[in-house]
Amino acid sequence: MDMLLWVLAGGFAGWIGFKFIGANAQRGVMASMAIGGFGGFLGGNLLAPLLGETAPMADAFNPVALLVAVACAAACLTISDMIWRRFAI
C-alpha cells in the first residue's frame, strides 16, 4: 500500500511541477507525472530505509517515508528538467 502512495504522491508532484511551476513543459504532463512517480518510488523504497525511516509494522503508514518520496520526486523532476535544458534529451 505504501508503494502505491509513494508513486501517486510522486505523480502528483510531477503534475504540480508541470501545471504551476512549468517544469518539463516541453515533454508534457504525462512525462512529468511518470518521472515524478519514478522518483517517488525511489525515494520511498530506497532512500527512506537508508535514512532509518521504516514503519514499525509492514502495513503501517509512515508519513516521513511519504515526505522523502515527494522530496525525491521533486529532485528527479528538477534534475530531468536541467538535463532537458542542457542537452535537449
PDB file of N, CA and C in Angstrom:
ATOM      1  N   MET A   1       0.812  -1.191   0.000  1.00  0.00           N
ATOM      2  CA  MET A   1       0.000   0.000   0.000  1.00  0.00           C
ATOM      3  C   MET A   1       0.856   1.255   0.000  1.00  0.00           C
ATOM      4  N   ASP A   2       1.969   1.207   0.737  1.00  0.00           N
ATOM      5  CA  ASP A   2       2.827   2.380   0.788  1.00  0.00           C
ATOM      6  C   ASP A   2       3.438   2.694  -0.574  1.00  0.00           C
ATOM      7  N   MET A   3       3.799   1.656  -1.329  1.00  0.00           N
ATOM      8  CA  MET A   3       4.393   1.891  -2.649  1.00  0.00           C
ATOM      9  C   MET A   3       3.423   2.624  -3.562  1.00  0.00           C
ATOM     10  N   LEU A   4       2.173   2.259  -3.501  1.00  0.00           N
ATOM     11  CA  LEU A   4       1.160   2.943  -4.301  1.00  0.00           C
ATOM     12  C   LEU A   4       1.047   4.408  -3.891  1.00  0.00           C
ATOM     13  N   LEU A   5       1.090   4.681  -2.594  1.00  0.00           N
ATOM     14  CA  LEU A   5       1.036   6.066  -2.124  1.00  0.00           C
ATOM     15  C   LEU A   5       2.263   6.851  -2.565  1.00  0.00           C
ATOM     16  N   TRP A   6       3.433   6.214  -2.539  1.00  0.00           N
ATOM     17  CA  TRP A   6       4.648   6.902  -2.967  1.00  0.00           C
ATOM     18  C   TRP A   6       4.588   7.260  -4.442  1.00  0.00           C
ATOM     19  N   VAL A   7       4.144   6.328  -5.258  1.00  0.00           N
ATOM     20  CA  VAL A   7       4.055   6.575  -6.702  1.00  0.00           C
ATOM     21  C   VAL A   7       2.989   7.635  -6.998  1.00  0.00           C
ATOM     22  N   LEU A   8       1.844   7.550  -6.331  1.00  0.00           N
ATOM     23  CA  LEU A   8       0.799   8.559  -6.532  1.00  0.00           C
ATOM     24  C   LEU A   8       1.244   9.938  -6.069  1.00  0.00           C
ATOM     25  N   ALA A   9       1.929  10.011  -4.937  1.00  0.00           N
ATOM     26  CA  ALA A   9       2.426  11.295  -4.450  1.00  0.00           C
ATOM     27  C   ALA A   9       3.475  11.866  -5.401  1.00  0.00           C
ATOM     28  N   GLY A  10       4.331  11.006  -5.944  1.00  0.00           N
ATOM     29  CA  GLY A  10       5.313  11.456  -6.926  1.00  0.00           C
ATOM     30  C   GLY A  10       4.658  11.920  -8.212  1.00  0.00           C
ATOM     31  N   GLY A  11       3.632  11.195  -8.667  1.00  0.00           N
ATOM     32  CA  GLY A  11       2.887  11.616  -9.854  1.00  0.00           C
ATOM     33  C   GLY A  11       2.184  12.943  -9.626  1.00  0.00           C
ATOM     34  N   PHE A  12       1.644  13.130  -8.434  1.00  0.00           N
ATOM     35  CA  PHE A  12       1.008  14.405  -8.101  1.00  0.00           C
ATOM     36  C   PHE A  12       2.036  15.528  -8.071  1.00  0.00           C
ATOM     37  N   ALA A  13       3.219  15.242  -7.548  1.00  0.00           N
ATOM     38  CA  ALA A  13       4.292  16.236  -7.553  1.00  0.00           C
ATOM     39  C   ALA A  13       4.697  16.587  -8.991  1.00  0.00           C
ATOM     40  N   GLY A  14       4.711  15.598  -9.869  1.00  0.00           N
ATOM     41  CA  GLY A  14       5.002  15.856 -11.278  1.00  0.00           C
ATOM     42  C   GLY A  14       3.940  16.720 -11.922  1.00  0.00           C
ATOM     43  N   TRP A  15       2.678  16.464 -11.581  1.00  0.00           N
ATOM     44  CA  TRP A  15       1.588  17.279 -12.123  1.00  0.00           C
ATOM     45  C   TRP A  15       1.681  18.712 -11.609  1.00  0.00           C
ATOM     46  N   ILE A  16       1.970  18.884 -10.323  1.00  0.00           N
ATOM     47  CA  ILE A  16       2.138  20.219  -9.745  1.00  0.00           C
ATOM     48  C   ILE A  16       3.304  20.935 -10.418  1.00  0.00           C
ATOM     49  N   GLY A  17       4.400  20.218 -10.601  1.00  0.00           N
ATOM     50  CA  GLY A  17       5.565  20.810 -11.250  1.00  0.00           C
ATOM     51  C   GLY A  17       5.273  21.237 -12.676  1.00  0.00           C
ATOM     52  N   PHE A  18       4.477  20.465 -13.384  1.00  0.00           N
ATOM     53  CA  PHE A  18       4.140  20.814 -14.764  1.00  0.00           C
ATOM     54  C   PHE A  18       3.140  21.960 -14.814  1.00  0.00           C
ATOM     55  N   LYS A  19       2.100  21.866 -14.021  1.00  0.00           N
ATOM     56  CA  LYS A  19       0.986  22.797 -14.120  1.00  0.00           C
ATOM     57  C   LYS A  19       1.313  24.177 -13.559  1.00  0.00           C
ATOM     58  N   PHE A  20       1.922  24.234 -12.402  1.00  0.00           N
ATOM     59  CA  PHE A  20       2.095  25.506 -11.724  1.00  0.00           C
ATOM     60  C   PHE A  20       3.505  26.076 -11.824  1.00  0.00           C
ATOM     61  N   ILE A  21       4.505  25.214 -11.900  1.00  0.00           N
ATOM     62  CA  ILE A  21       5.884  25.694 -11.944  1.00  0.00           C
ATOM     63  C   ILE A  21       6.408  25.755 -13.371  1.00  0.00           C
ATOM     64  N   GLY A  22       5.891  24.908 -14.241  1.00  0.00           N
ATOM     65  CA  GLY A  22       6.320  24.889 -15.634  1.00  0.00           C
ATOM     66  C   GLY A  22       7.524  24.009 -15.895  1.00  0.00           C
ATOM     67  N   ALA A  23       7.830  23.131 -14.955  1.00  0.00           N
ATOM     68  CA  ALA A  23       8.952  22.220 -15.147  1.00  0.00           C
ATOM     69  C   ALA A  23       8.575  21.159 -16.175  1.00  0.00           C
ATOM     70  N   ASN A  24       9.502  20.795 -17.008  1.00  0.00           N
ATOM     71  CA  ASN A  24       9.307  19.778 -18.053  1.00  0.00           C
ATOM     72  C   ASN A  24       8.157  20.122 -18.983  1.00  0.00           C
ATOM     73  N   ALA A  25       7.962  21.386 -19.247  1.00  0.00           N
ATOM     74  CA  ALA A  25       6.841  21.821 -20.083  1.00  0.00           C
ATOM     75  C   ALA A  25       6.979  21.328 -21.523  1.00  0.00           C
ATOM     76  N   GLN A  26       8.198  21.129 -22.003  1.00  0.00           N
ATOM     77  CA  GLN A  26       8.410  20.689 -23.374  1.00  0.00           C
ATOM     78  C   GLN A  26       7.995  19.233 -23.566  1.00  0.00           C
ATOM     79  N   ARG A  27       8.103  18.407 -22.533  1.00  0.00           N
ATOM     80  CA  ARG A  27       7.807  16.987 -22.654  1.00  0.00           C
ATOM     81  C   ARG A  27       6.360  16.634 -22.389  1.00  0.00           C
ATOM     82  N   GLY A  28       5.654  17.444 -21.651  1.00  0.00           N
ATOM     83  CA  GLY A  28       4.238  17.185 -21.409  1.00  0.00           C
ATOM     84  C   GLY A  28       3.937  16.686 -20.011  1.00  0.00           C
ATOM     85  N   VAL A  29       2.660  16.649 -19.707  1.00  0.00           N
ATOM     86  CA  VAL A  29       2.220  16.304 -18.362  1.00  0.00           C
ATOM     87  C   VAL A  29       2.426  14.826 -18.054  1.00  0.00           C
ATOM     88  N   MET A  30       2.254  13.954 -19.019  1.00  0.00           N
ATOM     89  CA  MET A  30       2.412  12.522 -18.749  1.00  0.00           C
ATOM     90  C   MET A  30       3.866  12.168 -18.430  1.00  0.00           C
ATOM     91  N   ALA A  31       4.800  12.780 -19.131  1.00  0.00           N
ATOM     92  CA  ALA A  31       6.215  12.527 -18.843  1.00  0.00           C
ATOM     93  C   ALA A  31       6.578  13.063 -17.459  1.00  0.00           C
ATOM     94  N   SER A  32       6.043  14.222 -17.100  1.00  0.00           N
ATOM     95  CA  SER A  32       6.313  14.786 -15.778  1.00  0.00           C
ATOM     96  C   SER A  32       5.748  13.908 -14.675  1.00  0.00           C
ATOM     97  N   MET A  33       4.552  13.385 -14.888  1.00  0.00           N
ATOM     98  CA  MET A  33       3.954  12.513 -13.884  1.00  0.00           C
ATOM     99  C   MET A  33       4.699  11.181 -13.791  1.00  0.00           C
ATOM    100  N   ALA A  34       5.190  10.666 -14.915  1.00  0.00           N
ATOM    101  CA  ALA A  34       5.956   9.419 -14.897  1.00  0.00           C
ATOM    102  C   ALA A  34       7.292   9.602 -14.187  1.00  0.00           C
ATOM    103  N   ILE A  35       7.960  10.713 -14.450  1.00  0.00           N
ATOM    104  CA  ILE A  35       9.232  10.997 -13.776  1.00  0.00           C
ATOM    105  C   ILE A  35       8.996  11.185 -12.286  1.00  0.00           C
ATOM    106  N   GLY A  36       7.932  11.894 -11.924  1.00  0.00           N
ATOM    107  CA  GLY A  36       7.607  12.086 -10.518  1.00  0.00           C
ATOM    108  C   GLY A  36       7.244  10.780  -9.826  1.00  0.00           C
ATOM    109  N   GLY A  37       6.485   9.920 -10.487  1.00  0.00           N
ATOM    110  CA  GLY A  37       6.141   8.623  -9.920  1.00  0.00           C
ATOM    111  C   GLY A  37       7.358   7.751  -9.709  1.00  0.00           C
ATOM    112  N   PHE A  38       8.275   7.775 -10.675  1.00  0.00           N
ATOM    113  CA  PHE A  38       9.517   7.018 -10.542  1.00  0.00           C
ATOM    114  C   PHE A  38      10.353   7.558  -9.382  1.00  0.00           C
ATOM    115  N   GLY A  39      10.428   8.874  -9.270  1.00  0.00           N
ATOM    116  CA  GLY A  39      11.165   9.477  -8.161  1.00  0.00           C
ATOM    117  C   GLY A  39      10.534   9.170  -6.820  1.00  0.00           C
ATOM    118  N   GLY A  40       9.210   9.158  -6.768  1.00  0.00           N
ATOM    119  CA  GLY A  40       8.526   8.801  -5.532  1.00  0.00           C
ATOM    120  C   GLY A  40       8.792   7.362  -5.123  1.00  0.00           C
ATOM    121  N   PHE A  41       8.808   6.477  -6.095  1.00  0.00           N
ATOM    122  CA  PHE A  41       9.116   5.079  -5.812  1.00  0.00           C
ATOM    123  C   PHE A  41      10.544   4.928  -5.295  1.00  0.00           C
ATOM    124  N   LEU A  42      11.488   5.603  -5.945  1.00  0.00           N
ATOM    125  CA  LEU A  42      12.877   5.528  -5.493  1.00  0.00           C
ATOM    126  C   LEU A  42      13.050   6.103  -4.093  1.00  0.00           C
ATOM    127  N   GLY A  43      12.417   7.226  -3.861  1.00  0.00           N
ATOM    128  CA  GLY A  43      12.549   7.856  -2.548  1.00  0.00           C
ATOM    129  C   GLY A  43      11.949   7.032  -1.431  1.00  0.00           C
ATOM    130  N   GLY A  44      10.771   6.505  -1.663  1.00  0.00           N
ATOM    131  CA  GLY A  44      10.122   5.726  -0.619  1.00  0.00           C
ATOM    132  C   GLY A  44      10.716   4.354  -0.430  1.00  0.00           C
ATOM    133  N   ASN A  45      11.179   3.758  -1.516  1.00  0.00           N
ATOM    134  CA  ASN A  45      11.671   2.384  -1.448  1.00  0.00           C
ATOM    135  C   ASN A  45      13.156   2.298  -1.119  1.00  0.00           C
ATOM    136  N   LEU A  46      13.947   3.263  -1.570  1.00  0.00           N
ATOM    137  CA  LEU A  46      15.390   3.184  -1.357  1.00  0.00           C
ATOM    138  C   LEU A  46      15.918   4.184  -0.332  1.00  0.00           C
ATOM    139  N   LEU A  47      15.506   5.439  -0.441  1.00  0.00           N
ATOM    140  CA  LEU A  47      16.078   6.457   0.433  1.00  0.00           C
ATOM    141  C   LEU A  47      15.509   6.453   1.839  1.00  0.00           C
ATOM    142  N   ALA A  48      14.219   6.227   1.979  1.00  0.00           N
ATOM    143  CA  ALA A  48      13.620   6.246   3.317  1.00  0.00           C
ATOM    144  C   ALA A  48      14.213   5.168   4.236  1.00  0.00           C
ATOM    145  N   PRO A  49      14.382   3.929   3.769  1.00  0.00           N
ATOM    146  CA  PRO A  49      15.035   2.951   4.658  1.00  0.00           C
ATOM    147  C   PRO A  49      16.500   3.286   4.946  1.00  0.00           C
ATOM    148  N   LEU A  50      17.181   3.910   4.000  1.00  0.00           N
ATOM    149  CA  LEU A  50      18.571   4.307   4.251  1.00  0.00           C
ATOM    150  C   LEU A  50      18.665   5.379   5.324  1.00  0.00           C
ATOM    151  N   LEU A  51      17.632   6.206   5.411  1.00  0.00           N
ATOM    152  CA  LEU A  51      17.605   7.247   6.435  1.00  0.00           C
ATOM    153  C   LEU A  51      17.080   6.727   7.768  1.00  0.00           C
ATOM    154  N   GLY A  52      16.726   5.463   7.820  1.00  0.00           N
ATOM    155  CA  GLY A  52      16.263   4.860   9.055  1.00  0.00           C
ATOM    156  C   GLY A  52      14.785   5.044   9.311  1.00  0.00           C
ATOM    157  N   GLU A  53      14.038   5.454   8.309  1.00  0.00           N
ATOM    158  CA  GLU A  53      12.609   5.682   8.467  1.00  0.00           C
ATOM    159  C   GLU A  53      11.826   4.505   7.919  1.00  0.00           C
ATOM    160  N   THR A  54      11.607   3.523   8.753  1.00  0.00           N
ATOM    161  CA  THR A  54      10.798   2.373   8.360  1.00  0.00           C
ATOM    162  C   THR A  54       9.592   2.283   9.289  1.00  0.00           C
ATOM    163  N   ALA A  55       8.546   1.722   8.784  1.00  0.00           N
ATOM    164  CA  ALA A  55       7.325   1.562   9.575  1.00  0.00           C
ATOM    165  C   ALA A  55       7.527   0.452  10.604  1.00  0.00           C
ATOM    166  N   PRO A  56       6.906   0.580  11.780  1.00  0.00           N
ATOM    167  CA  PRO A  56       7.074  -0.466  12.794  1.00  0.00           C
ATOM    168  C   PRO A  56       6.467  -1.800  12.369  1.00  0.00           C
ATOM    169  N   MET A  57       5.382  -1.745  11.599  1.00  0.00           N
ATOM    170  CA  MET A  57       4.781  -2.961  11.053  1.00  0.00           C
ATOM    171  C   MET A  57       4.802  -2.858   9.538  1.00  0.00           C
ATOM    172  N   ALA A  58       4.645  -3.963   8.870  1.00  0.00           N
ATOM    173  CA  ALA A  58       4.768  -3.995   7.414  1.00  0.00           C
ATOM    174  C   ALA A  58       3.712  -3.141   6.716  1.00  0.00           C
ATOM    175  N   ASP A  59       2.494  -3.117   7.208  1.00  0.00           N
ATOM    176  CA  ASP A  59       1.425  -2.378   6.552  1.00  0.00           C
ATOM    177  C   ASP A  59       1.155  -1.018   7.180  1.00  0.00           C
ATOM    178  N   ALA A  60       1.960  -0.591   8.117  1.00  0.00           N
ATOM    179  CA  ALA A  60       1.732   0.680   8.798  1.00  0.00           C
ATOM    180  C   ALA A  60       2.135   1.844   7.895  1.00  0.00           C
ATOM    181  N   PHE A  61       1.394   2.934   8.010  1.00  0.00           N
ATOM    182  CA  PHE A  61       1.674   4.138   7.221  1.00  0.00           C
ATOM    183  C   PHE A  61       2.792   4.917   7.890  1.00  0.00           C
ATOM    184  N   ASN A  62       3.738   5.396   7.097  1.00  0.00           N
ATOM    185  CA  ASN A  62       4.846   6.184   7.612  1.00  0.00           C
ATOM    186  C   ASN A  62       4.869   7.517   6.891  1.00  0.00           C
ATOM    187  N   PRO A  63       4.478   8.610   7.562  1.00  0.00           N
ATOM    188  CA  PRO A  63       4.437   9.913   6.896  1.00  0.00           C
ATOM    189  C   PRO A  63       5.814  10.443   6.518  1.00  0.00           C
ATOM    190  N   VAL A  64       6.845  10.071   7.251  1.00  0.00           N
ATOM    191  CA  VAL A  64       8.190  10.539   6.920  1.00  0.00           C
ATOM    192  C   VAL A  64       8.668   9.915   5.614  1.00  0.00           C
ATOM    193  N   ALA A  65       8.349   8.645   5.404  1.00  0.00           N
ATOM    194  CA  ALA A  65       8.710   7.985   4.148  1.00  0.00           C
ATOM    195  C   ALA A  65       7.966   8.627   2.980  1.00  0.00           C
ATOM    196  N   LEU A  66       6.726   9.031   3.194  1.00  0.00           N
ATOM    197  CA  LEU A  66       5.974   9.724   2.146  1.00  0.00           C
ATOM    198  C   LEU A  66       6.608  11.077   1.834  1.00  0.00           C
ATOM    199  N   LEU A  67       7.057  11.779   2.848  1.00  0.00           N
ATOM    200  CA  LEU A  67       7.727  13.067   2.645  1.00  0.00           C
ATOM    201  C   LEU A  67       9.043  12.883   1.887  1.00  0.00           C
ATOM    202  N   VAL A  68       9.794  11.837   2.217  1.00  0.00           N
ATOM    203  CA  VAL A  68      11.035  11.536   1.495  1.00  0.00           C
ATOM    204  C   VAL A  68      10.733  11.192   0.044  1.00  0.00           C
ATOM    205  N   ALA A  69       9.646  10.470  -0.192  1.00  0.00           N
ATOM    206  CA  ALA A  69       9.263  10.103  -1.563  1.00  0.00           C
ATOM    207  C   ALA A  69       8.919  11.343  -2.379  1.00  0.00           C
ATOM    208  N   VAL A  70       8.185  12.277  -1.790  1.00  0.00           N
ATOM    209  CA  VAL A  70       7.827  13.508  -2.506  1.00  0.00           C
ATOM    210  C   VAL A  70       9.071  14.358  -2.763  1.00  0.00           C
ATOM    211  N   ALA A  71       9.965  14.427  -1.796  1.00  0.00           N
ATOM    212  CA  ALA A  71      11.201  15.193  -1.983  1.00  0.00           C
ATOM    213  C   ALA A  71      12.064  14.581  -3.081  1.00  0.00           C
ATOM    214  N   CYS A  72      12.145  13.274  -3.134  1.00  0.00           N
ATOM    215  CA  CYS A  72      12.920  12.608  -4.179  1.00  0.00           C
ATOM    216  C   CYS A  72      12.262  12.794  -5.543  1.00  0.00           C
ATOM    217  N   ALA A  73      10.945  12.790  -5.584  1.00  0.00           N
ATOM    218  CA  ALA A  73      10.238  13.049  -6.843  1.00  0.00           C
ATOM    219  C   ALA A  73      10.528  14.455  -7.337  1.00  0.00           C
ATOM    220  N   ALA A  74      10.518  15.432  -6.438  1.00  0.00           N
ATOM    221  CA  ALA A  74      10.843  16.805  -6.821  1.00  0.00           C
ATOM    222  C   ALA A  74      12.286  16.917  -7.308  1.00  0.00           C
ATOM    223  N   ALA A  75      13.188  16.189  -6.661  1.00  0.00           N
ATOM    224  CA  ALA A  75      14.585  16.203  -7.096  1.00  0.00           C
ATOM    225  C   ALA A  75      14.736  15.575  -8.480  1.00  0.00           C
ATOM    226  N   CYS A  76      14.035  14.469  -8.728  1.00  0.00           N
ATOM    227  CA  CYS A  76      14.102  13.831 -10.046  1.00  0.00           C
ATOM    228  C   CYS A  76      13.530  14.743 -11.125  1.00  0.00           C
ATOM    229  N   LEU A  77      12.445  15.442 -10.809  1.00  0.00           N
ATOM    230  CA  LEU A  77      11.863  16.380 -11.768  1.00  0.00           C
ATOM    231  C   LEU A  77      12.819  17.529 -12.064  1.00  0.00           C
ATOM    232  N   THR A  78      13.465  18.034 -11.036  1.00  0.00           N
ATOM    233  CA  THR A  78      14.417  19.129 -11.227  1.00  0.00           C
ATOM    234  C   THR A  78      15.613  18.683 -12.049  1.00  0.00           C
ATOM    235  N   ILE A  79      16.144  17.519 -11.742  1.00  0.00           N
ATOM    236  CA  ILE A  79      17.303  17.007 -12.484  1.00  0.00           C
ATOM    237  C   ILE A  79      16.938  16.726 -13.936  1.00  0.00           C
ATOM    238  N   SER A  80      15.767  16.146 -14.166  1.00  0.00           N
ATOM    239  CA  SER A  80      15.378  15.865 -15.552  1.00  0.00           C
ATOM    240  C   SER A  80      15.130  17.154 -16.327  1.00  0.00           C
ATOM    241  N   ASP A  81      14.604  18.183 -15.670  1.00  0.00           N
ATOM    242  CA  ASP A  81      14.413  19.470 -16.335  1.00  0.00           C
ATOM    243  C   ASP A  81      15.757  20.117 -16.664  1.00  0.00           C
ATOM    244  N   MET A  82      16.719  19.993 -15.757  1.00  0.00           N
ATOM    245  CA  MET A  82      18.052  20.542 -16.013  1.00  0.00           C
ATOM    246  C   MET A  82      18.731  19.812 -17.166  1.00  0.00           C
ATOM    247  N   ILE A  83      18.591  18.485 -17.224  1.00  0.00           N
ATOM    248  CA  ILE A  83      19.175  17.715 -18.320  1.00  0.00           C
ATOM    249  C   ILE A  83      18.515  18.090 -19.648  1.00  0.00           C
ATOM    250  N   TRP A  84      17.195  18.264 -19.625  1.00  0.00           N
ATOM    251  CA  TRP A  84      16.469  18.641 -20.837  1.00  0.00           C
ATOM    252  C   TRP A  84      16.943  20.007 -21.346  1.00  0.00           C
ATOM    253  N   ARG A  85      17.109  20.961 -20.449  1.00  0.00           N
ATOM    254  CA  ARG A  85      17.524  22.300 -20.863  1.00  0.00           C
ATOM    255  C   ARG A  85      18.972  22.306 -21.376  1.00  0.00           C
ATOM    256  N   ARG A  86      19.815  21.473 -20.798  1.00  0.00           N
ATOM    257  CA  ARG A  86      21.230  21.473 -21.191  1.00  0.00           C
ATOM    258  C   ARG A  86      21.474  20.675 -22.462  1.00  0.00           C
ATOM    259  N   PHE A  87      20.914  19.471 -22.553  1.00  0.00           N
ATOM    260  CA  PHE A  87      21.239  18.578 -23.645  1.00  0.00           C
ATOM    261  C   PHE A  87      20.081  18.325 -24.611  1.00  0.00           C
ATOM    262  N   ALA A  88      18.894  18.797 -24.302  1.00  0.00           N
ATOM    263  CA  ALA A  88      17.691  18.589 -25.117  1.00  0.00           C
ATOM    264  C   ALA A  88      17.409  17.104 -25.328  1.00  0.00           C
ATOM    265  N   ILE A  89      17.557  16.335 -24.260  1.00  0.00           N
ATOM    266  CA  ILE A  89      17.309  14.884 -24.311  1.00  0.00           C
ATOM    267  C   ILE A  89      15.947  14.611 -23.717  1.00  0.00           C
TER     268      ILE A  89
END
